[in-house]
PDB file of N, CA and C in Angstrom:
ATOM      1  N   MET A   1     -14.376  35.450 -34.814  1.00  0.00           N
ATOM      2  CA  MET A   1     -15.522  34.634 -34.528  1.00  0.00           C
ATOM      3  C   MET A   1     -15.490  33.421 -35.450  1.00  0.00           C
ATOM      4  N   CYS A   2     -15.817  32.282 -34.891  1.00  0.00           N
ATOM      5  CA  CYS A   2     -15.801  31.016 -35.600  1.00  0.00           C
ATOM      6  C   CYS A   2     -17.097  30.835 -36.389  1.00  0.00           C
ATOM      7  N   SER A   3     -16.976  30.300 -37.590  1.00  0.00           N
ATOM      8  CA  SER A   3     -18.203  29.980 -38.321  1.00  0.00           C
ATOM      9  C   SER A   3     -18.714  28.642 -37.809  1.00  0.00           C
ATOM     10  N   LEU A   4     -20.003  28.588 -37.591  1.00  0.00           N
ATOM     11  CA  LEU A   4     -20.604  27.383 -37.040  1.00  0.00           C
ATOM     12  C   LEU A   4     -20.855  26.355 -38.134  1.00  0.00           C
ATOM     13  N   PRO A   5     -20.666  25.085 -37.812  1.00  0.00           N
ATOM     14  CA  PRO A   5     -21.013  24.062 -38.791  1.00  0.00           C
ATOM     15  C   PRO A   5     -22.532  23.926 -38.882  1.00  0.00           C
ATOM     16  N   ALA A   6     -23.014  23.506 -40.024  1.00  0.00           N
ATOM     17  CA  ALA A   6     -24.445  23.252 -40.185  1.00  0.00           C
ATOM     18  C   ALA A   6     -24.740  21.905 -39.536  1.00  0.00           C
ATOM     19  N   VAL A   7     -25.571  21.900 -38.503  1.00  0.00           N
ATOM     20  CA  VAL A   7     -25.885  20.661 -37.787  1.00  0.00           C
ATOM     21  C   VAL A   7     -27.393  20.472 -37.721  1.00  0.00           C
ATOM     22  N   THR A   8     -27.791  19.219 -37.706  1.00  0.00           N
ATOM     23  CA  THR A   8     -29.200  18.897 -37.519  1.00  0.00           C
ATOM     24  C   THR A   8     -29.486  18.868 -36.022  1.00  0.00           C
ATOM     25  N   GLY A   9     -30.738  18.744 -35.684  1.00  0.00           N
ATOM     26  CA  GLY A   9     -31.117  18.678 -34.275  1.00  0.00           C
ATOM     27  C   GLY A   9     -30.511  17.474 -33.576  1.00  0.00           C
ATOM     28  N   GLN A  10     -30.497  16.322 -34.247  1.00  0.00           N
ATOM     29  CA  GLN A  10     -29.927  15.115 -33.647  1.00  0.00           C
ATOM     30  C   GLN A  10     -28.432  15.278 -33.394  1.00  0.00           C
ATOM     31  N   GLN A  11     -27.715  15.914 -34.314  1.00  0.00           N
ATOM     32  CA  GLN A  11     -26.287  16.155 -34.120  1.00  0.00           C
ATOM     33  C   GLN A  11     -26.053  17.101 -32.945  1.00  0.00           C
ATOM     34  N   ALA A  12     -26.901  18.101 -32.803  1.00  0.00           N
ATOM     35  CA  ALA A  12     -26.776  19.035 -31.688  1.00  0.00           C
ATOM     36  C   ALA A  12     -27.048  18.338 -30.363  1.00  0.00           C
ATOM     37  N   VAL A  13     -28.044  17.457 -30.327  1.00  0.00           N
ATOM     38  CA  VAL A  13     -28.342  16.712 -29.101  1.00  0.00           C
ATOM     39  C   VAL A  13     -27.142  15.868 -28.695  1.00  0.00           C
ATOM     40  N   LYS A  14     -26.502  15.200 -29.657  1.00  0.00           N
ATOM     41  CA  LYS A  14     -25.313  14.392 -29.362  1.00  0.00           C
ATOM     42  C   LYS A  14     -24.170  15.263 -28.836  1.00  0.00           C
ATOM     43  N   ALA A  15     -23.982  16.431 -29.446  1.00  0.00           N
ATOM     44  CA  ALA A  15     -22.897  17.322 -29.018  1.00  0.00           C
ATOM     45  C   ALA A  15     -23.150  17.850 -27.604  1.00  0.00           C
ATOM     46  N   PHE A  16     -24.383  18.252 -27.313  1.00  0.00           N
ATOM     47  CA  PHE A  16     -24.678  18.747 -25.972  1.00  0.00           C
ATOM     48  C   PHE A  16     -24.608  17.623 -24.944  1.00  0.00           C
ATOM     49  N   SER A  17     -24.875  16.398 -25.373  1.00  0.00           N
ATOM     50  CA  SER A  17     -24.729  15.253 -24.469  1.00  0.00           C
ATOM     51  C   SER A  17     -23.270  15.076 -24.067  1.00  0.00           C
ATOM     52  N   LYS A  18     -22.354  15.313 -24.994  1.00  0.00           N
ATOM     53  CA  LYS A  18     -20.925  15.233 -24.690  1.00  0.00           C
ATOM     54  C   LYS A  18     -20.505  16.311 -23.709  1.00  0.00           C
ATOM     55  N   LEU A  19     -21.276  17.397 -23.635  1.00  0.00           N
ATOM     56  CA  LEU A  19     -20.983  18.484 -22.689  1.00  0.00           C
ATOM     57  C   LEU A  19     -21.629  18.247 -21.323  1.00  0.00           C
ATOM     58  N   GLY A  20     -22.315  17.118 -21.163  1.00  0.00           N
ATOM     59  CA  GLY A  20     -22.898  16.785 -19.867  1.00  0.00           C
ATOM     60  C   GLY A  20     -24.392  16.979 -19.757  1.00  0.00           C
ATOM     61  N   PHE A  21     -25.049  17.401 -20.815  1.00  0.00           N
ATOM     62  CA  PHE A  21     -26.493  17.579 -20.805  1.00  0.00           C
ATOM     63  C   PHE A  21     -27.159  16.244 -21.117  1.00  0.00           C
ATOM     64  N   HIS A  22     -28.384  16.063 -20.639  1.00  0.00           N
ATOM     65  CA  HIS A  22     -29.163  14.878 -20.972  1.00  0.00           C
ATOM     66  C   HIS A  22     -30.591  15.312 -21.318  1.00  0.00           C
ATOM     67  N   VAL A  23     -31.263  14.476 -22.086  1.00  0.00           N
ATOM     68  CA  VAL A  23     -32.637  14.780 -22.489  1.00  0.00           C
ATOM     69  C   VAL A  23     -33.543  14.547 -21.292  1.00  0.00           C
ATOM     70  N   ALA A  24     -34.134  15.619 -20.798  1.00  0.00           N
ATOM     71  CA  ALA A  24     -35.034  15.529 -19.647  1.00  0.00           C
ATOM     72  C   ALA A  24     -36.438  15.143 -20.097  1.00  0.00           C
ATOM     73  N   ARG A  25     -36.846  15.671 -21.243  1.00  0.00           N
ATOM     74  CA  ARG A  25     -38.172  15.375 -21.779  1.00  0.00           C
ATOM     75  C   ARG A  25     -38.234  15.887 -23.208  1.00  0.00           C
ATOM     76  N   THR A  26     -39.330  15.562 -23.876  1.00  0.00           N
ATOM     77  CA  THR A  26     -39.562  16.104 -25.206  1.00  0.00           C
ATOM     78  C   THR A  26     -40.853  16.904 -25.175  1.00  0.00           C
ATOM     79  N   SER A  27     -40.906  17.901 -26.029  1.00  0.00           N
ATOM     80  CA  SER A  27     -42.095  18.728 -26.145  1.00  0.00           C
ATOM     81  C   SER A  27     -42.358  18.932 -27.636  1.00  0.00           C
ATOM     82  N   GLY A  28     -43.172  18.064 -28.196  1.00  0.00           N
ATOM     83  CA  GLY A  28     -43.401  18.128 -29.632  1.00  0.00           C
ATOM     84  C   GLY A  28     -42.146  17.744 -30.377  1.00  0.00           C
ATOM     85  N   SER A  29     -41.634  18.634 -31.204  1.00  0.00           N
ATOM     86  CA  SER A  29     -40.431  18.348 -31.981  1.00  0.00           C
ATOM     87  C   SER A  29     -39.180  18.965 -31.354  1.00  0.00           C
ATOM     88  N   HIS A  30     -39.230  19.275 -30.068  1.00  0.00           N
ATOM     89  CA  HIS A  30     -38.085  19.840 -29.368  1.00  0.00           C
ATOM     90  C   HIS A  30     -37.665  18.912 -28.233  1.00  0.00           C
ATOM     91  N   TYR A  31     -36.347  18.770 -28.072  1.00  0.00           N
ATOM     92  CA  TYR A  31     -35.806  18.016 -26.949  1.00  0.00           C
ATOM     93  C   TYR A  31     -35.400  19.029 -25.889  1.00  0.00           C
ATOM     94  N   ILE A  32     -35.886  18.830 -24.670  1.00  0.00           N
ATOM     95  CA  ILE A  32     -35.527  19.699 -23.557  1.00  0.00           C
ATOM     96  C   ILE A  32     -34.365  19.029 -22.838  1.00  0.00           C
ATOM     97  N   MET A  33     -33.219  19.695 -22.832  1.00  0.00           N
ATOM     98  CA  MET A  33     -32.013  19.112 -22.251  1.00  0.00           C
ATOM     99  C   MET A  33     -31.644  19.845 -20.968  1.00  0.00           C
ATOM    100  N   LYS A  34     -31.146  19.084 -20.011  1.00  0.00           N
ATOM    101  CA  LYS A  34     -30.816  19.619 -18.694  1.00  0.00           C
ATOM    102  C   LYS A  34     -29.451  19.099 -18.260  1.00  0.00           C
ATOM    103  N   LYS A  35     -28.773  19.890 -17.466  1.00  0.00           N
ATOM    104  CA  LYS A  35     -27.498  19.491 -16.888  1.00  0.00           C
ATOM    105  C   LYS A  35     -27.573  19.794 -15.404  1.00  0.00           C
ATOM    106  N   ASP A  36     -27.237  18.823 -14.580  1.00  0.00           N
ATOM    107  CA  ASP A  36     -27.289  19.026 -13.134  1.00  0.00           C
ATOM    108  C   ASP A  36     -26.378  20.181 -12.727  1.00  0.00           C
ATOM    109  N   GLY A  37     -26.917  21.093 -11.929  1.00  0.00           N
ATOM    110  CA  GLY A  37     -26.157  22.231 -11.456  1.00  0.00           C
ATOM    111  C   GLY A  37     -26.052  23.367 -12.460  1.00  0.00           C
ATOM    112  N   HIS A  38     -26.679  23.217 -13.616  1.00  0.00           N
ATOM    113  CA  HIS A  38     -26.631  24.265 -14.642  1.00  0.00           C
ATOM    114  C   HIS A  38     -27.917  25.081 -14.573  1.00  0.00           C
ATOM    115  N   ARG A  39     -27.796  26.348 -14.815  1.00  0.00           N
ATOM    116  CA  ARG A  39     -28.900  27.275 -14.636  1.00  0.00           C
ATOM    117  C   ARG A  39     -30.004  27.152 -15.687  1.00  0.00           C
ATOM    118  N   TYR A  40     -29.631  26.861 -16.932  1.00  0.00           N
ATOM    119  CA  TYR A  40     -30.585  26.922 -18.033  1.00  0.00           C
ATOM    120  C   TYR A  40     -30.948  25.548 -18.569  1.00  0.00           C
ATOM    121  N   LEU A  41     -32.146  25.454 -19.139  1.00  0.00           N
ATOM    122  CA  LEU A  41     -32.568  24.309 -19.932  1.00  0.00           C
ATOM    123  C   LEU A  41     -32.315  24.651 -21.394  1.00  0.00           C
ATOM    124  N   LEU A  42     -32.010  23.662 -22.199  1.00  0.00           N
ATOM    125  CA  LEU A  42     -31.837  23.869 -23.629  1.00  0.00           C
ATOM    126  C   LEU A  42     -33.021  23.250 -24.350  1.00  0.00           C
ATOM    127  N   SER A  43     -33.639  24.000 -25.236  1.00  0.00           N
ATOM    128  CA  SER A  43     -34.740  23.493 -26.043  1.00  0.00           C
ATOM    129  C   SER A  43     -34.229  23.355 -27.473  1.00  0.00           C
ATOM    130  N   VAL A  44     -33.818  22.132 -27.821  1.00  0.00           N
ATOM    131  CA  VAL A  44     -33.193  21.874 -29.116  1.00  0.00           C
ATOM    132  C   VAL A  44     -34.265  21.432 -30.120  1.00  0.00           C
ATOM    133  N   PRO A  45     -34.447  22.183 -31.229  1.00  0.00           N
ATOM    134  CA  PRO A  45     -35.429  21.767 -32.243  1.00  0.00           C
ATOM    135  C   PRO A  45     -34.893  20.581 -33.045  1.00  0.00           C
ATOM    136  N   VAL A  46     -35.668  19.516 -33.101  1.00  0.00           N
ATOM    137  CA  VAL A  46     -35.265  18.319 -33.840  1.00  0.00           C
ATOM    138  C   VAL A  46     -36.305  18.070 -34.931  1.00  0.00           C
ATOM    139  N   HIS A  47     -36.059  18.662 -36.087  1.00  0.00           N
ATOM    140  CA  HIS A  47     -36.939  18.492 -37.242  1.00  0.00           C
ATOM    141  C   HIS A  47     -36.177  17.654 -38.250  1.00  0.00           C
ATOM    142  N   THR A  48     -36.717  16.536 -38.613  1.00  0.00           N
ATOM    143  CA  THR A  48     -36.042  15.569 -39.465  1.00  0.00           C
ATOM    144  C   THR A  48     -35.534  16.201 -40.757  1.00  0.00           C
ATOM    145  N   GLY A  49     -34.235  16.051 -40.984  1.00  0.00           N
ATOM    146  CA  GLY A  49     -33.631  16.513 -42.231  1.00  0.00           C
ATOM    147  C   GLY A  49     -33.344  17.997 -42.313  1.00  0.00           C
ATOM    148  N   GLN A  50     -33.676  18.761 -41.289  1.00  0.00           N
ATOM    149  CA  GLN A  50     -33.439  20.206 -41.327  1.00  0.00           C
ATOM    150  C   GLN A  50     -32.312  20.581 -40.384  1.00  0.00           C
ATOM    151  N   THR A  51     -31.514  21.543 -40.825  1.00  0.00           N
ATOM    152  CA  THR A  51     -30.449  22.046 -39.963  1.00  0.00           C
ATOM    153  C   THR A  51     -30.995  23.150 -39.067  1.00  0.00           C
ATOM    154  N   ILE A  52     -30.322  23.337 -37.945  1.00  0.00           N
ATOM    155  CA  ILE A  52     -30.704  24.388 -37.007  1.00  0.00           C
ATOM    156  C   ILE A  52     -30.175  25.709 -37.546  1.00  0.00           C
ATOM    157  N   LYS A  53     -30.985  26.745 -37.504  1.00  0.00           N
ATOM    158  CA  LYS A  53     -30.556  28.063 -37.976  1.00  0.00           C
ATOM    159  C   LYS A  53     -29.424  28.582 -37.103  1.00  0.00           C
ATOM    160  N   ALA A  54     -28.554  29.394 -37.708  1.00  0.00           N
ATOM    161  CA  ALA A  54     -27.341  29.852 -37.036  1.00  0.00           C
ATOM    162  C   ALA A  54     -27.639  30.628 -35.760  1.00  0.00           C
ATOM    163  N   GLY A  55     -28.617  31.510 -35.782  1.00  0.00           N
ATOM    164  CA  GLY A  55     -28.940  32.300 -34.593  1.00  0.00           C
ATOM    165  C   GLY A  55     -29.458  31.445 -33.454  1.00  0.00           C
ATOM    166  N   THR A  56     -30.273  30.456 -33.780  1.00  0.00           N
ATOM    167  CA  THR A  56     -30.791  29.538 -32.774  1.00  0.00           C
ATOM    168  C   THR A  56     -29.657  28.732 -32.171  1.00  0.00           C
ATOM    169  N   LEU A  57     -28.764  28.244 -33.021  1.00  0.00           N
ATOM    170  CA  LEU A  57     -27.637  27.443 -32.549  1.00  0.00           C
ATOM    171  C   LEU A  57     -26.705  28.274 -31.667  1.00  0.00           C
ATOM    172  N   ARG A  58     -26.456  29.519 -32.053  1.00  0.00           N
ATOM    173  CA  ARG A  58     -25.603  30.382 -31.222  1.00  0.00           C
ATOM    174  C   ARG A  58     -26.233  30.621 -29.846  1.00  0.00           C
ATOM    175  N   GLY A  59     -27.539  30.799 -29.812  1.00  0.00           N
ATOM    176  CA  GLY A  59     -28.226  30.979 -28.535  1.00  0.00           C
ATOM    177  C   GLY A  59     -28.135  29.746 -27.659  1.00  0.00           C
ATOM    178  N   LEU A  60     -28.279  28.570 -28.262  1.00  0.00           N
ATOM    179  CA  LEU A  60     -28.158  27.327 -27.499  1.00  0.00           C
ATOM    180  C   LEU A  60     -26.746  27.140 -26.968  1.00  0.00           C
ATOM    181  N   ILE A  61     -25.760  27.474 -27.775  1.00  0.00           N
ATOM    182  CA  ILE A  61     -24.364  27.339 -27.357  1.00  0.00           C
ATOM    183  C   ILE A  61     -24.070  28.282 -26.191  1.00  0.00           C
ATOM    184  N   ALA A  62     -24.554  29.514 -26.281  1.00  0.00           N
ATOM    185  CA  ALA A  62     -24.348  30.478 -25.197  1.00  0.00           C
ATOM    186  C   ALA A  62     -25.049  30.024 -23.919  1.00  0.00           C
ATOM    187  N   ALA A  63     -26.273  29.514 -24.039  1.00  0.00           N
ATOM    188  CA  ALA A  63     -27.014  29.041 -22.874  1.00  0.00           C
ATOM    189  C   ALA A  63     -26.339  27.830 -22.240  1.00  0.00           C
ATOM    190  N   ALA A  64     -25.630  27.044 -23.054  1.00  0.00           N
ATOM    191  CA  ALA A  64     -24.921  25.874 -22.539  1.00  0.00           C
ATOM    192  C   ALA A  64     -23.635  26.267 -21.825  1.00  0.00           C
ATOM    193  N   GLY A  65     -23.215  27.516 -21.995  1.00  0.00           N
ATOM    194  CA  GLY A  65     -22.011  27.987 -21.314  1.00  0.00           C
ATOM    195  C   GLY A  65     -20.729  27.580 -22.012  1.00  0.00           C
ATOM    196  N   THR A  66     -20.775  27.403 -23.309  1.00  0.00           N
ATOM    197  CA  THR A  66     -19.588  27.047 -24.071  1.00  0.00           C
ATOM    198  C   THR A  66     -19.381  28.072 -25.184  1.00  0.00           C
ATOM    199  N   THR A  67     -18.371  27.878 -25.969  1.00  0.00           N
ATOM    200  CA  THR A  67     -18.079  28.806 -27.061  1.00  0.00           C
ATOM    201  C   THR A  67     -18.341  28.116 -28.398  1.00  0.00           C
ATOM    202  N   PRO A  68     -18.559  28.902 -29.456  1.00  0.00           N
ATOM    203  CA  PRO A  68     -18.746  28.285 -30.779  1.00  0.00           C
ATOM    204  C   PRO A  68     -17.549  27.443 -31.218  1.00  0.00           C
ATOM    205  N   GLU A  69     -16.342  27.855 -30.837  1.00  0.00           N
ATOM    206  CA  GLU A  69     -15.145  27.098 -31.202  1.00  0.00           C
ATOM    207  C   GLU A  69     -15.149  25.714 -30.555  1.00  0.00           C
ATOM    208  N   GLU A  70     -15.479  25.667 -29.255  1.00  0.00           N
ATOM    209  CA  GLU A  70     -15.534  24.386 -28.548  1.00  0.00           C
ATOM    210  C   GLU A  70     -16.625  23.500 -29.125  1.00  0.00           C
ATOM    211  N   PHE A  71     -17.770  24.089 -29.443  1.00  0.00           N
ATOM    212  CA  PHE A  71     -18.883  23.324 -30.011  1.00  0.00           C
ATOM    213  C   PHE A  71     -18.482  22.746 -31.362  1.00  0.00           C
ATOM    214  N   ALA A  72     -17.806  23.543 -32.191  1.00  0.00           N
ATOM    215  CA  ALA A  72     -17.380  23.072 -33.518  1.00  0.00           C
ATOM    216  C   ALA A  72     -16.423  21.889 -33.393  1.00  0.00           C
ATOM    217  N   LYS A  73     -15.542  21.911 -32.376  1.00  0.00           N
ATOM    218  CA  LYS A  73     -14.623  20.788 -32.168  1.00  0.00           C
ATOM    219  C   LYS A  73     -15.388  19.529 -31.756  1.00  0.00           C
ATOM    220  N   ILE A  74     -16.407  19.689 -30.930  1.00  0.00           N
ATOM    221  CA  ILE A  74     -17.174  18.535 -30.470  1.00  0.00           C
ATOM    222  C   ILE A  74     -17.952  17.902 -31.611  1.00  0.00           C
ATOM    223  N   VAL A  75     -18.535  18.736 -32.460  1.00  0.00           N
ATOM    224  CA  VAL A  75     -19.358  18.236 -33.568  1.00  0.00           C
ATOM    225  C   VAL A  75     -18.514  17.516 -34.599  1.00  0.00           C
ATOM    226  N   SER A  76     -17.328  18.037 -34.893  1.00  0.00           N
ATOM    227  CA  SER A  76     -16.504  17.430 -35.949  1.00  0.00           C
ATOM    228  C   SER A  76     -15.716  16.250 -35.466  1.00  0.00           C
TER     229      SER A  76
END
């Protein structure tokens, strides 16, 4: 299993954008991301200066239909 990089919400939004997701709307401090033809919405927490917790990030990666290894390559 790959160790995930520590990423902020903004970095995660950029990475998911590279995977074809776009920001559909915002809900408070969360960006709701959608991909056409994809089953799930992603609710990415964007709190200024804070990194996303590992469990939350793993759940978002799984919901996006990618692997932690692929996500780590996109972020770096």
